[in-house]
Amino acid sequence: MKKDKDKIVKQFREDVISLQKSSIEMLDVLGKEKSCTKTGRILLECMNDRCKQHCGLEKTRNQEN
């Protein structure tokens, strides 16, 4: 049972990473920002509210509009 669970979790993580990569490629195509201004982390890993507040992503987006 434990092995099955580990296998499922591993596959899920791989799927998430692959989805993140393809989403980043789409962002590139659209010409959008793709990394956090302070940490340089990939945007999809970095979209929680605390990050938006600390790195000012929210502000830069609003100023552009």
C-alpha atoms as a PDB file:
ATOM      1  CA  MET A   1       0.000   0.000   0.000  1.00  0.00           C
ATOM      2  CA  LYS A   2       2.789   2.421   0.940  1.00  0.00           C
ATOM      3  CA  LYS A   3       4.624   1.713  -2.328  1.00  0.00           C
ATOM      4  CA  ASP A   4       1.475   2.415  -4.333  1.00  0.00           C
ATOM      5  CA  LYS A   5       0.961   5.696  -2.517  1.00  0.00           C
ATOM      6  CA  ASP A   6       4.580   6.743  -3.088  1.00  0.00           C
ATOM      7  CA  LYS A   7       4.271   5.863  -6.754  1.00  0.00           C
ATOM      8  CA  ILE A   8       1.086   7.934  -7.112  1.00  0.00           C
ATOM      9  CA  VAL A   9       2.622  10.905  -5.273  1.00  0.00           C
ATOM     10  CA  LYS A  10       5.748  10.740  -7.437  1.00  0.00           C
ATOM     11  CA  GLN A  11       3.678  10.619 -10.635  1.00  0.00           C
ATOM     12  CA  PHE A  12       1.538  13.524  -9.412  1.00  0.00           C
ATOM     13  CA  ARG A  13       4.615  15.652  -8.724  1.00  0.00           C
ATOM     14  CA  GLU A  14       6.009  14.886 -12.161  1.00  0.00           C
ATOM     15  CA  ASP A  15       2.680  15.841 -13.736  1.00  0.00           C
ATOM     16  CA  VAL A  16       2.570  19.124 -11.818  1.00  0.00           C
ATOM     17  CA  ILE A  17       6.133  19.997 -12.840  1.00  0.00           C
ATOM     18  CA  SER A  18       5.346  19.222 -16.458  1.00  0.00           C
ATOM     19  CA  LEU A  19       2.213  21.381 -16.286  1.00  0.00           C
ATOM     20  CA  GLN A  20       4.227  24.217 -14.763  1.00  0.00           C
ATOM     21  CA  LYS A  21       6.806  23.974 -17.533  1.00  0.00           C
ATOM     22  CA  SER A  22       4.195  24.040 -20.265  1.00  0.00           C
ATOM     23  CA  SER A  23       2.438  26.970 -18.580  1.00  0.00           C
ATOM     24  CA  ILE A  24       5.716  28.881 -18.412  1.00  0.00           C
ATOM     25  CA  GLU A  25       6.236  28.208 -22.107  1.00  0.00           C
ATOM     26  CA  MET A  26       2.766  29.619 -22.770  1.00  0.00           C
ATOM     27  CA  LEU A  27       3.601  32.692 -20.685  1.00  0.00           C
ATOM     28  CA  ASP A  28       6.744  33.122 -22.784  1.00  0.00           C
ATOM     29  CA  VAL A  29       4.680  32.942 -25.939  1.00  0.00           C
ATOM     30  CA  LEU A  30       2.298  35.530 -24.559  1.00  0.00           C
ATOM     31  CA  GLY A  31       5.234  37.731 -23.522  1.00  0.00           C
ATOM     32  CA  LYS A  32       4.224  37.893 -19.873  1.00  0.00           C
ATOM     33  CA  GLU A  33       6.475  38.116 -16.830  1.00  0.00           C
ATOM     34  CA  LYS A  34       7.577  34.703 -15.723  1.00  0.00           C
ATOM     35  CA  SER A  35       9.587  35.227 -12.557  1.00  0.00           C
ATOM     36  CA  CYS A  36       9.202  36.898  -9.199  1.00  0.00           C
ATOM     37  CA  THR A  37      10.966  40.264  -9.124  1.00  0.00           C
ATOM     38  CA  LYS A  38      12.731  39.628  -5.800  1.00  0.00           C
ATOM     39  CA  THR A  39      13.340  35.912  -5.493  1.00  0.00           C
ATOM     40  CA  GLY A  40      13.599  35.081  -9.182  1.00  0.00           C
ATOM     41  CA  ARG A  41      11.450  32.031  -8.528  1.00  0.00           C
ATOM     42  CA  ILE A  42       9.211  30.791 -11.289  1.00  0.00           C
ATOM     43  CA  LEU A  43       5.930  32.658 -11.209  1.00  0.00           C
ATOM     44  CA  LEU A  44       3.721  29.595 -10.878  1.00  0.00           C
ATOM     45  CA  GLU A  45       5.541  28.534  -7.721  1.00  0.00           C
ATOM     46  CA  CYS A  46       5.342  32.049  -6.446  1.00  0.00           C
ATOM     47  CA  MET A  47       1.765  33.247  -6.855  1.00  0.00           C
ATOM     48  CA  ASN A  48       0.684  33.083  -3.220  1.00  0.00           C
ATOM     49  CA  ASP A  49      -0.496  36.337  -1.636  1.00  0.00           C
ATOM     50  CA  ARG A  50       2.553  36.722   0.587  1.00  0.00           C
ATOM     51  CA  CYS A  51       4.832  36.639  -2.437  1.00  0.00           C
ATOM     52  CA  LYS A  52       2.679  39.095  -4.344  1.00  0.00           C
ATOM     53  CA  GLN A  53       2.944  41.480  -1.409  1.00  0.00           C
ATOM     54  CA  HIS A  54       6.693  41.087  -0.816  1.00  0.00           C
ATOM     55  CA  CYS A  55       7.837  41.310  -4.417  1.00  0.00           C
ATOM     56  CA  GLY A  56       5.374  43.892  -5.672  1.00  0.00           C
ATOM     57  CA  LEU A  57       4.187  41.806  -8.624  1.00  0.00           C
ATOM     58  CA  GLU A  58       0.660  42.970  -7.960  1.00  0.00           C
ATOM     59  CA  LYS A  59       1.735  46.633  -8.077  1.00  0.00           C
ATOM     60  CA  THR A  60       3.691  46.312 -11.324  1.00  0.00           C
ATOM     61  CA  ARG A  61       0.768  44.608 -13.011  1.00  0.00           C
ATOM     62  CA  ASN A  62      -1.672  47.268 -11.791  1.00  0.00           C
ATOM     63  CA  GLN A  63       0.600  50.136 -12.840  1.00  0.00           C
ATOM     64  CA  GLU A  64       0.845  48.737 -16.365  1.00  0.00           C
ATOM     65  CA  ASN A  65      -2.942  48.669 -16.760  1.00  0.00           C
END
